[in-house]
Amino acid sequence: MEARLALFRRFPGLAGRLPHRALLSGPTPVAPFPLDGLRELWIKRDERSSPVYGGNKPRKLEFLIGDALARGARRLVTSGALGTNHGLATTLLAREAGLATTLLLVDQPVTEEVRTKLLLCHAAGARLRYGGTVTGAAREGLLELARSLAARERPVLVPTGGTSARGDLGFVSAALELAEQVRAGELPEPRRIYVPVGSGGTLAGLLAGLKLAGLGSRVVGVLVTDILPPSPRKLVRLSNASLRLLRKHVPDVPRVTLAAADFEYPRDQLGPGYGAPTAAARAARDAAAQHGVALETTYSAKALAALRDDARRGILDGPALFWNTYNAVDVAARLAPLPAPSELPVAFQRFFGGGA
């Protein structure tokens, strides 16, 4: 199964040494994306990376769930905002592996999409804990870990967004996958690659993987969160941590130099804050829909809005790639009928107009 990942094809010595659980359908396709009449724009179709839940999350969770299984865990504990995509993906994909999930949730602007995500997480079997703030979620997390340990579940704490040295290997592999597609002539080598930045693991993994692959593509990481946003220095540290983990298993992994100057980090698409839609994000979402590409306004549409803005300003100086990190699998259809809001823990019912 390891051979299905570009990382294991590039470094076959990792096979059997680096725990992972196969979740991806295979390499995700690349295709021309003639948005706004742009002739040198391409899209990486990660929205259907896995038949259970698409987008960027399964790439990280392959390694995180694999590691948890190797440790004999029975429960994952992770955190996110009320409408967390990461939390839903973790719950669904962990369930497929026989693992339970607890979600520690913090506030964000409450929209219909957020309410639906809460119902979906509950329907998927997640244990929901309300923290409100980052500090509150940390407190709830300690309590939950203690309960789970007492129940002999051997809980494993999964970082927010799956961003860690281990989780980010999913996007080291993704960059190597892209390099294979470039060499196969499926697309020209991109000059710029656009991705959203929440916890930062997608960018960090791509940065390391592109260096290993020998691609000169410049990653444009579009900041979409004001909840503990990662600094450029932290993103470089994350990249280096993934490389060190690889070398721990295969010492001959090339040593590459990474720096904040290797990527761009625009912050002007965030708007009022995490999860708050902006006019530019809505416009980007609607424009993508005309080409059959579904986006949402928290992450992916803000990244596309940055690309469109750069195009208007004449900054695109060659082939560009929009990496679609959004999930396109219809999870709601699989989990239907959804529970009534009254079935949620009381702390969450207030977001539906009820509860304390």
Protein backbone atom coordinates (compact mmCIF):
# COMPACT_ATOMS: atom_id res chain seq x y z
CA MET A 1 0.00 0.00 0.00
CA GLU A 2 2.93 2.33 0.65
CA ALA A 3 3.75 2.44 -3.07
CA ARG A 4 0.51 4.39 -3.65
CA LEU A 5 2.16 7.43 -2.03
CA ALA A 6 4.76 9.49 -3.84
CA LEU A 7 6.72 9.79 -0.60
CA PHE A 8 7.28 6.03 -0.47
CA ARG A 9 8.07 5.88 -4.16
CA ARG A 10 10.75 8.53 -3.69
CA PHE A 11 12.12 7.01 -0.47
CA PRO A 12 11.35 3.26 -0.54
CA GLY A 13 13.36 2.78 2.65
CA LEU A 14 10.44 4.31 4.56
CA ALA A 15 8.24 1.29 3.85
CA GLY A 16 7.51 -0.54 7.07
CA ARG A 17 9.25 2.11 9.16
CA LEU A 18 6.83 5.04 9.03
CA PRO A 19 3.31 4.10 10.22
CA HIS A 20 0.48 5.21 7.98
CA ARG A 21 -3.02 4.12 7.03
CA ALA A 22 -3.99 4.31 3.37
CA LEU A 23 -6.86 6.77 2.97
CA LEU A 24 -6.29 8.38 -0.44
CA SER A 25 -7.87 7.19 -3.66
CA GLY A 26 -4.56 7.77 -5.44
CA PRO A 27 -2.87 10.83 -6.96
CA THR A 28 -5.41 13.61 -7.36
CA PRO A 29 -5.70 14.95 -10.92
CA VAL A 30 -4.52 18.29 -12.23
CA ALA A 31 -6.48 20.15 -14.89
CA PRO A 32 -6.61 23.52 -16.66
CA PHE A 33 -8.71 26.03 -14.72
CA PRO A 34 -9.60 28.86 -17.15
CA LEU A 35 -11.04 31.11 -14.45
CA ASP A 36 -11.42 34.74 -15.51
CA GLY A 37 -10.01 33.78 -18.90
CA LEU A 38 -6.59 32.92 -17.43
CA ARG A 39 -4.76 30.63 -19.86
CA GLU A 40 -1.98 29.49 -17.56
CA LEU A 41 -4.01 28.58 -14.49
CA TRP A 42 -4.28 24.99 -13.29
CA ILE A 43 -6.11 23.31 -10.44
CA LYS A 44 -5.06 20.41 -8.21
CA ARG A 45 -8.26 18.48 -7.54
CA ASP A 46 -7.74 17.46 -3.93
CA GLU A 47 -11.45 17.90 -3.25
CA ARG A 48 -11.92 14.18 -3.90
CA SER A 49 -8.70 12.93 -2.37
CA SER A 50 -10.61 10.26 -0.42
CA PRO A 51 -14.02 8.65 -0.99
CA VAL A 52 -14.90 9.20 2.69
CA TYR A 53 -13.90 12.86 3.01
CA GLY A 54 -11.98 14.86 0.43
CA GLY A 55 -9.74 17.91 0.56
CA ASN A 56 -6.41 18.33 2.29
CA LYS A 57 -7.29 16.58 5.57
CA PRO A 58 -6.89 12.91 4.51
CA ARG A 59 -3.30 13.54 3.42
CA LYS A 60 -2.29 14.45 6.98
CA LEU A 61 -4.56 11.91 8.64
CA GLU A 62 -2.96 9.02 6.75
CA PHE A 63 0.09 9.45 8.94
CA LEU A 64 -1.65 10.57 12.14
CA ILE A 65 -4.19 7.73 12.19
CA GLY A 66 -1.50 5.26 11.18
CA ASP A 67 0.63 6.37 14.11
CA ALA A 68 -2.32 6.17 16.52
CA LEU A 69 -3.10 2.62 15.40
CA ALA A 70 0.54 1.65 15.81
CA ARG A 71 0.34 2.90 19.41
CA GLY A 72 -2.76 0.84 20.11
CA ALA A 73 -4.97 3.89 20.58
CA ARG A 74 -8.74 3.65 20.73
CA ARG A 75 -9.56 7.39 20.78
CA LEU A 76 -8.29 10.54 19.08
CA VAL A 77 -8.68 13.92 20.78
CA THR A 78 -8.40 17.00 18.59
CA SER A 79 -9.54 20.62 18.43
CA GLY A 80 -10.95 23.19 16.05
CA ALA A 81 -13.58 25.86 15.62
CA LEU A 82 -17.31 25.14 15.79
CA GLY A 83 -17.50 24.45 12.06
CA THR A 84 -14.29 22.45 11.95
CA ASN A 85 -13.57 20.62 8.70
CA HIS A 86 -10.58 18.97 10.35
CA GLY A 87 -12.74 17.67 13.17
CA LEU A 88 -15.32 16.20 10.83
CA ALA A 89 -12.68 14.61 8.63
CA THR A 90 -10.89 13.16 11.65
CA THR A 91 -14.12 11.72 13.06
CA LEU A 92 -15.12 10.07 9.78
CA LEU A 93 -11.73 8.71 8.82
CA ALA A 94 -10.89 7.57 12.35
CA ARG A 95 -14.25 5.78 12.53
CA GLU A 96 -13.29 3.84 9.39
CA ALA A 97 -10.18 2.71 11.29
CA GLY A 98 -12.13 1.71 14.40
CA LEU A 99 -11.15 4.75 16.47
CA ALA A 100 -13.42 7.09 18.44
CA THR A 101 -12.93 10.88 18.34
CA THR A 102 -13.42 13.75 20.77
CA LEU A 103 -13.63 17.31 19.39
CA LEU A 104 -12.69 20.32 21.54
CA LEU A 105 -14.42 23.29 19.93
CA VAL A 106 -13.87 27.06 20.10
CA ASP A 107 -16.05 29.92 18.92
CA GLN A 108 -16.26 31.29 15.39
CA PRO A 109 -18.94 33.28 13.54
CA VAL A 110 -22.00 31.02 13.46
CA THR A 111 -23.43 30.47 9.97
CA GLU A 112 -25.75 27.82 8.57
CA GLU A 113 -22.68 25.95 7.35
CA VAL A 114 -21.26 25.95 10.89
CA ARG A 115 -24.54 24.63 12.30
CA THR A 116 -24.58 21.87 9.71
CA LYS A 117 -20.99 20.90 10.57
CA LEU A 118 -21.93 20.56 14.25
CA LEU A 119 -24.80 18.25 13.35
CA LEU A 120 -22.58 16.25 10.99
CA CYS A 121 -19.86 15.82 13.63
CA HIS A 122 -22.44 14.57 16.12
CA ALA A 123 -24.02 12.27 13.55
CA ALA A 124 -20.60 10.85 12.68
CA GLY A 125 -20.11 9.86 16.32
CA ALA A 126 -17.83 12.59 17.64
CA ARG A 127 -17.91 13.39 21.34
CA LEU A 128 -18.34 17.18 21.37
CA ARG A 129 -16.78 19.32 24.11
CA TYR A 130 -17.26 23.09 24.17
CA GLY A 131 -14.23 25.18 25.12
CA GLY A 132 -15.31 28.56 23.79
CA THR A 133 -11.78 29.99 23.84
CA VAL A 134 -8.41 28.39 23.15
CA THR A 135 -7.75 28.34 26.90
CA GLY A 136 -11.12 26.76 27.55
CA ALA A 137 -10.53 24.10 24.92
CA ALA A 138 -7.14 23.28 26.46
CA ARG A 139 -8.81 22.85 29.86
CA GLU A 140 -11.50 20.59 28.37
CA GLY A 141 -8.78 18.67 26.57
CA LEU A 142 -6.96 17.84 29.80
CA LEU A 143 -10.20 16.61 31.34
CA GLU A 144 -11.03 14.54 28.28
CA LEU A 145 -7.59 12.95 28.16
CA ALA A 146 -7.88 12.05 31.84
CA ARG A 147 -11.32 10.46 31.28
CA SER A 148 -10.08 8.55 28.27
CA LEU A 149 -6.97 7.30 30.07
CA ALA A 150 -9.14 6.11 32.94
CA ALA A 151 -11.24 4.22 30.39
CA ARG A 152 -8.03 2.61 29.05
CA GLU A 153 -8.59 4.04 25.59
CA ARG A 154 -4.93 5.02 25.13
CA PRO A 155 -5.96 8.43 23.70
CA VAL A 156 -3.76 10.22 21.20
CA LEU A 157 -3.85 14.01 20.95
CA VAL A 158 -4.03 15.16 17.32
CA PRO A 159 -2.91 18.80 16.85
CA THR A 160 -5.37 21.34 15.46
CA GLY A 161 -5.63 20.90 11.70
CA GLY A 162 -3.46 17.79 11.93
CA THR A 163 -0.46 20.11 11.69
CA SER A 164 2.66 18.47 13.09
CA ALA A 165 5.93 17.03 11.87
CA ARG A 166 4.15 13.74 11.22
CA GLY A 167 0.89 15.06 9.78
CA ASP A 168 2.63 17.45 7.42
CA LEU A 169 4.35 14.51 5.73
CA GLY A 170 1.10 14.16 3.83
CA PHE A 171 1.91 17.34 1.97
CA VAL A 172 5.57 16.51 1.59
CA SER A 173 4.22 13.52 -0.33
CA ALA A 174 1.72 15.76 -2.16
CA ALA A 175 4.54 17.96 -3.46
CA LEU A 176 6.42 14.87 -4.68
CA GLU A 177 3.17 13.72 -6.34
CA LEU A 178 2.91 17.07 -8.11
CA ALA A 179 6.52 16.74 -9.30
CA GLU A 180 5.67 13.36 -10.83
CA GLN A 181 2.77 14.97 -12.68
CA VAL A 182 5.00 17.76 -13.96
CA ARG A 183 7.57 15.24 -15.19
CA ALA A 184 4.78 13.25 -16.87
CA GLY A 185 3.72 16.37 -18.79
CA GLU A 186 0.31 16.66 -17.10
CA LEU A 187 0.98 20.34 -16.36
CA PRO A 188 3.88 22.76 -16.65
CA GLU A 189 5.94 23.48 -13.56
CA PRO A 190 3.94 26.12 -11.68
CA ARG A 191 5.61 29.40 -10.90
CA ARG A 192 3.18 29.99 -8.03
CA ILE A 193 1.00 27.64 -5.95
CA TYR A 194 -1.90 29.06 -3.91
CA VAL A 195 -3.12 27.43 -0.69
CA PRO A 196 -4.97 28.71 2.41
CA VAL A 197 -3.13 28.84 5.73
CA GLY A 198 -4.98 27.97 8.93
CA SER A 199 -2.78 25.86 11.18
CA GLY A 200 -0.15 25.94 8.41
CA GLY A 201 0.57 22.27 7.81
CA THR A 202 -0.39 22.28 4.13
CA LEU A 203 2.06 25.08 3.36
CA ALA A 204 4.80 23.66 5.58
CA GLY A 205 4.61 20.23 4.00
CA LEU A 206 4.51 21.61 0.46
CA LEU A 207 7.51 23.83 1.17
CA ALA A 208 9.62 20.86 2.27
CA GLY A 209 8.34 18.56 -0.47
CA LEU A 210 8.95 21.04 -3.28
CA LYS A 211 12.54 21.43 -2.14
CA LEU A 212 13.04 17.65 -2.07
CA ALA A 213 11.44 17.40 -5.52
CA GLY A 214 13.67 20.08 -6.99
CA LEU A 215 10.73 22.23 -8.10
CA GLY A 216 11.16 25.99 -8.06
CA SER A 217 7.48 26.71 -7.47
CA ARG A 218 6.78 29.51 -5.00
CA VAL A 219 4.03 28.76 -2.50
CA VAL A 220 1.60 31.57 -1.72
CA GLY A 221 0.07 30.80 1.66
CA VAL A 222 -3.06 32.90 2.16
CA LEU A 223 -3.73 33.50 5.86
CA VAL A 224 -7.36 32.74 6.80
CA THR A 225 -7.25 32.70 10.61
CA ASP A 226 -6.65 35.07 13.49
CA ILE A 227 -6.84 32.24 16.07
CA LEU A 228 -3.17 31.61 16.90
CA PRO A 229 -2.01 32.31 13.31
CA PRO A 230 1.35 30.68 12.56
CA SER A 231 4.30 33.00 12.00
CA PRO A 232 6.59 32.56 8.97
CA ARG A 233 9.31 31.38 11.36
CA LYS A 234 6.98 28.73 12.79
CA LEU A 235 6.05 27.52 9.31
CA VAL A 236 9.74 27.02 8.48
CA ARG A 237 10.22 25.17 11.78
CA LEU A 238 7.32 22.88 10.87
CA SER A 239 8.91 22.14 7.49
CA ASN A 240 12.25 21.33 9.07
CA ALA A 241 10.61 19.13 11.70
CA SER A 242 9.04 16.97 8.97
CA LEU A 243 12.39 16.64 7.24
CA ARG A 244 14.06 15.59 10.49
CA LEU A 245 11.37 12.96 11.02
CA LEU A 246 12.04 11.57 7.54
CA ARG A 247 15.79 11.46 8.18
CA LYS A 248 15.17 9.63 11.44
CA HIS A 249 13.83 6.74 9.37
CA VAL A 250 15.93 7.21 6.22
CA PRO A 251 19.19 9.07 6.91
CA ASP A 252 19.94 9.71 3.23
CA VAL A 253 16.95 12.06 2.75
CA PRO A 254 18.63 15.11 1.17
CA ARG A 255 19.35 18.10 3.39
CA VAL A 256 17.70 21.19 1.93
CA THR A 257 17.71 24.79 3.10
CA LEU A 258 14.36 26.35 3.95
CA ALA A 259 13.64 29.98 4.74
CA ALA A 260 10.69 32.34 5.10
CA ALA A 261 11.83 33.98 1.85
CA ASP A 262 10.84 30.77 0.03
CA PHE A 263 7.12 31.52 0.30
CA GLU A 264 4.67 34.41 0.35
CA TYR A 265 2.24 34.99 3.19
CA PRO A 266 -0.47 37.52 2.28
CA ARG A 267 -2.79 38.49 5.13
CA ASP A 268 -5.22 40.79 3.32
CA GLN A 269 -7.91 38.15 2.59
CA LEU A 270 -8.71 37.34 6.22
CA GLY A 271 -11.41 39.98 6.61
CA PRO A 272 -12.98 40.45 10.07
CA GLY A 273 -11.56 37.14 11.31
CA TYR A 274 -11.59 33.37 11.04
CA GLY A 275 -14.74 32.03 9.41
CA ALA A 276 -16.07 35.46 8.48
CA PRO A 277 -17.07 35.58 4.79
CA THR A 278 -15.70 38.43 2.70
CA ALA A 279 -17.01 39.91 -0.54
CA ALA A 280 -13.86 38.76 -2.37
CA ALA A 281 -14.27 35.20 -1.06
CA ARG A 282 -17.92 35.07 -2.10
CA ALA A 283 -17.02 36.34 -5.56
CA ALA A 284 -14.23 33.75 -5.88
CA ARG A 285 -16.57 30.99 -4.74
CA ASP A 286 -19.19 32.00 -7.30
CA ALA A 287 -16.63 32.29 -10.10
CA ALA A 288 -15.27 28.81 -9.33
CA ALA A 289 -18.78 27.37 -9.31
CA GLN A 290 -19.19 28.45 -12.93
CA HIS A 291 -16.39 25.97 -13.74
CA GLY A 292 -17.86 23.16 -11.65
CA VAL A 293 -15.57 23.70 -8.66
CA ALA A 294 -17.19 23.96 -5.21
CA LEU A 295 -15.44 26.14 -2.61
CA GLU A 296 -16.32 27.57 0.81
CA THR A 297 -15.61 31.05 2.16
CA THR A 298 -13.56 30.11 5.24
CA TYR A 299 -10.50 28.63 3.52
CA SER A 300 -10.46 27.76 -0.16
CA ALA A 301 -12.33 30.76 -1.59
CA LYS A 302 -10.07 33.18 0.29
CA ALA A 303 -7.03 31.51 -1.29
CA LEU A 304 -8.62 31.81 -4.72
CA ALA A 305 -9.51 35.44 -3.99
CA ALA A 306 -5.81 36.13 -3.42
CA LEU A 307 -4.94 34.48 -6.73
CA ARG A 308 -7.56 36.56 -8.58
CA ASP A 309 -6.24 39.71 -6.94
CA ASP A 310 -2.68 38.86 -8.03
CA ALA A 311 -3.94 38.23 -11.56
CA ARG A 312 -5.61 41.65 -11.65
CA ARG A 313 -2.39 43.27 -10.46
CA GLY A 314 -0.31 41.47 -13.10
CA ILE A 315 1.69 39.47 -10.56
CA LEU A 316 1.08 36.08 -12.19
CA ASP A 317 4.20 35.72 -14.32
CA GLY A 318 3.75 32.20 -15.61
CA PRO A 319 1.83 29.01 -14.90
CA ALA A 320 -0.05 29.16 -11.60
CA LEU A 321 -1.69 26.36 -9.62
CA PHE A 322 -4.70 26.65 -7.34
CA TRP A 323 -4.60 23.77 -4.85
CA ASN A 324 -8.20 23.00 -3.94
CA THR A 325 -8.16 21.94 -0.29
CA TYR A 326 -11.96 21.78 0.07
CA ASN A 327 -13.94 18.56 0.50
CA ALA A 328 -16.42 17.73 -2.28
CA VAL A 329 -17.73 14.43 -0.87
CA ASP A 330 -21.40 14.71 0.13
CA VAL A 331 -21.01 13.74 3.77
CA ALA A 332 -24.54 14.86 4.66
CA ALA A 333 -26.07 12.32 2.28
CA ARG A 334 -24.08 9.53 3.87
CA LEU A 335 -25.04 10.55 7.43
CA ALA A 336 -28.70 11.42 6.72
CA PRO A 337 -30.99 11.91 8.46
CA LEU A 338 -29.15 14.47 10.56
CA PRO A 339 -29.97 14.73 14.26
CA ALA A 340 -32.16 17.47 15.67
CA PRO A 341 -30.24 20.28 17.41
CA SER A 342 -31.83 19.16 20.68
CA GLU A 343 -29.76 15.96 20.44
CA LEU A 344 -26.51 17.90 20.72
CA PRO A 345 -24.87 18.53 24.09
CA VAL A 346 -26.61 21.47 25.77
CA ALA A 347 -23.59 23.76 25.38
CA PHE A 348 -24.04 23.64 21.58
CA GLN A 349 -27.81 24.01 21.42
CA ARG A 350 -27.51 27.77 21.93
CA PHE A 351 -26.10 28.06 18.39
CA PHE A 352 -29.47 26.89 17.10
CA GLY A 353 -31.48 29.26 19.25
CA GLY A 354 -31.93 26.90 22.18
CA GLY A 355 -30.14 25.64 25.26
CA ALA A 356 -28.43 27.55 28.06
